[in-house]
């Protein structure tokens, strides 16, 4: 995904997207990262001007969640800015919060290539990246240069591929120690399908241990991200265990390994984007029926419009996150979703987004 920005804003995104889609997806992402990093360094004024014109500031969608101030409810999900190299330019494009990572204690290359695949006709992606990142030390140095930041930053943390499952908690402990002063919240990632055995940590014993450990180390909110492929009863049980052990939020969902959703899908990696929309929403809705009002809920998975974001909000989400739709729709989509939410709130007679959060569940 390549962006060409000038003082008038975003130019010819759809045309440039066609050019970028001629490259394999990981190469295109690397070009985008290069452009964001170096474009911001060379011309911060251009990004500042874009933010002035397109970053939505409206009291109707400002809110405090777990003691953190969010300018708008649309965040960038983990996975796009794995190494925290693009935080400033991405914020200028309109995101109300950004999750960097998933990061691991030691640097790792991730899984063999090719490992990222796009399906433009379905506005969907499939990835088997495997937590490729620069490692905790290098990323922490990077984030320290800009934290505290104007936009909330989440640190999405995982274990190294070479760390045995029985030692996994040590990786999460090290990362919380390393990043507790340079993020606004943590996300425990044990739901990616791309590190062998990682989803086996989605069990009550590990969840209890990792949150009790985290609670002893930091007062920053710690969230749990869940996979959409487990039975909802199991997911609810794990979410309740997390809450009882100190978790402040649940993020649903990660990518799916339900390959039936996507024609010609690979038989490895996780699927995101439009084809995940219904599965993710239904999973989130069932979680919210049991957890709304007890813990903060964040929805992610196939969100590509203000209508879909608002649907998740009414189902109990205080915040939503996007990833694939950012690739397919570009930065203008962030502005359109936020403006659309404001219009939908007004149409329903709500004065503030908090009035709409969980409204479909209230009175049930």
Foldseek 3Di string as FASTA:
>chain_A
DAFDFALVGTPPVVVVLVVLVVDFVVVSLVNRLVCQLVVCVVCVVRLQSLLVVFADADQQAWDAALNDTFRHQEEADEDSQQLPRRVVSVVSLHHREYEYHQAWAAADQFDDPPAKHDDLVQLKIFGLRGRHYHHLVNSLVVLVVQPPHPHAYEYEYFYHLPDDPVCGLVGLLVNCLSCQRRGQEYEDDQAWQNRPPSVVCLDLVNLLVNLLSSVVRHPRAYEYEHALPDPLVSVLVSRVSNLVSRHQEYEFHDFYQPQVLDPPDDNGGGMAAQSFLVSRQVSLLSNCLRCAPPHAYEYEGHDQALVSQLSSQLSAHSHYYYHSNCSNVNSSSSSRNRVSVVVVCVVVPHSHSVVRGNNVNPPD
